[in-house]
Amino acid sequence: MAAMHTTVGWHVELEFEEDDRHTRAVALVRLPDGTEVRAHGHASRHDVDSNQPRVGEEIAGARALNEIAMQLLTKARLEIDDASGRRSHSINV
C-alpha cells in the first residue's frame, strides 16, 4: 500500500457562548479555495440536569459541525452540477 501524504488542510474554528442554561456554538471552516462556511448550534440544559458546561459545548459544537457538513455536501453537489452541466442527485451522509 502506498503511503498517503497531506496535500491540503482545512482550518476549523469553534467558539462558544454560555450561560447557566444555554450554550451556543459558532463553527467556521476555511477552505483552500478561500470559501468560508459558517454554522450555529445550540444546547439547552433541562432544569433537573446538573450544570455541565462541557456537555453543552459538545452538543452545541456537534450541531454546528453537522450543519457545516450539510452545507459542504450541498456545495460539493452544486460544484458537480456546474462541472457536468447536469443536475445530480443529492449527496447523503
Protein backbone atom coordinates (compact mmCIF):
# COMPACT_ATOMS: atom_id res chain seq x y z
CA MET A 1 0.00 0.00 0.00
CA ALA A 2 1.37 3.42 -0.94
CA ALA A 3 1.95 5.93 1.82
CA MET A 4 -0.50 8.81 1.89
CA HIS A 5 0.51 12.38 2.49
CA THR A 6 -1.44 15.53 3.24
CA THR A 7 -1.79 17.90 0.32
CA VAL A 8 -4.41 20.26 1.72
CA GLY A 9 -5.57 21.39 5.11
CA TRP A 10 -8.78 22.90 6.39
CA HIS A 11 -8.89 25.29 9.31
CA VAL A 12 -11.85 24.77 11.64
CA GLU A 13 -12.77 27.16 14.45
CA LEU A 14 -15.39 26.69 17.16
CA GLU A 15 -16.41 29.38 19.62
CA PHE A 16 -18.89 29.07 22.46
CA GLU A 17 -21.10 31.44 24.44
CA GLU A 18 -22.68 30.07 27.61
CA ASP A 19 -24.93 30.98 30.48
CA ASP A 20 -26.35 28.75 33.22
CA ARG A 21 -28.83 27.02 30.89
CA HIS A 22 -27.77 27.62 27.29
CA THR A 23 -24.74 27.03 25.11
CA ARG A 24 -24.36 28.48 21.64
CA ALA A 25 -21.63 27.38 19.24
CA VAL A 26 -20.39 29.10 16.11
CA ALA A 27 -18.36 26.96 13.70
CA LEU A 28 -16.24 28.25 10.85
CA VAL A 29 -14.36 26.25 8.22
CA ARG A 30 -11.90 27.95 5.89
CA LEU A 31 -11.41 26.02 2.65
CA PRO A 32 -8.34 26.22 0.40
CA ASP A 33 -10.41 27.95 -2.33
CA GLY A 34 -11.00 30.87 0.05
CA THR A 35 -14.55 29.88 0.89
CA GLU A 36 -15.69 30.25 4.49
CA VAL A 37 -18.57 28.10 5.69
CA ARG A 38 -20.28 29.13 8.96
CA ALA A 39 -22.94 27.48 11.07
CA HIS A 40 -24.51 27.71 14.52
CA GLY A 41 -25.54 25.11 17.05
CA HIS A 42 -27.15 25.31 20.44
CA ALA A 43 -27.87 23.26 23.53
CA SER A 44 -30.20 23.86 26.47
CA ARG A 45 -29.89 22.31 29.91
CA HIS A 46 -33.05 20.88 31.42
CA ASP A 47 -33.95 22.12 34.91
CA VAL A 48 -33.31 18.72 36.52
CA ASP A 49 -29.85 18.27 34.93
CA SER A 50 -26.68 19.35 36.69
CA ASN A 51 -24.71 22.23 35.20
CA GLN A 52 -22.05 20.59 32.99
CA PRO A 53 -20.74 23.21 30.55
CA ARG A 54 -18.54 20.69 28.70
CA VAL A 55 -21.59 18.62 27.76
CA GLY A 56 -23.38 21.70 26.45
CA GLU A 57 -20.30 22.56 24.38
CA GLU A 58 -20.14 19.05 22.94
CA ILE A 59 -23.82 19.10 21.93
CA ALA A 60 -23.82 22.65 20.56
CA GLY A 61 -20.48 22.07 18.80
CA ALA A 62 -21.69 18.82 17.23
CA ARG A 63 -24.85 20.51 15.97
CA ALA A 64 -22.84 23.36 14.42
CA LEU A 65 -20.40 20.92 12.79
CA ASN A 66 -23.30 18.83 11.49
CA GLU A 67 -24.71 21.93 9.81
CA ILE A 68 -21.25 22.63 8.33
CA ALA A 69 -21.23 19.08 6.95
CA MET A 70 -24.62 19.57 5.29
CA GLN A 71 -23.50 22.87 3.75
CA LEU A 72 -20.33 21.23 2.41
CA LEU A 73 -22.34 18.39 0.85
CA THR A 74 -24.58 20.94 -0.87
CA LYS A 75 -21.57 22.93 -2.05
CA ALA A 76 -19.99 19.78 -3.49
CA ARG A 77 -23.20 18.81 -5.30
CA LEU A 78 -23.52 22.27 -6.85
CA GLU A 79 -19.89 22.11 -7.99
CA ILE A 80 -20.54 18.69 -9.57
CA ASP A 81 -23.59 20.15 -11.33
CA ASP A 82 -21.60 23.12 -12.62
CA ALA A 83 -18.78 20.94 -13.91
CA SER A 84 -21.05 18.34 -15.52
CA GLY A 85 -23.74 20.65 -16.89
CA ARG A 86 -26.48 18.49 -15.43
CA ARG A 87 -28.38 18.14 -12.18
CA SER A 88 -27.00 15.48 -9.87
CA HIS A 89 -28.67 13.63 -7.04
CA SER A 90 -28.34 14.94 -3.50
CA ILE A 91 -25.30 13.66 -1.66
CA ASN A 92 -26.40 11.93 1.53
CA VAL A 93 -24.47 11.39 4.72
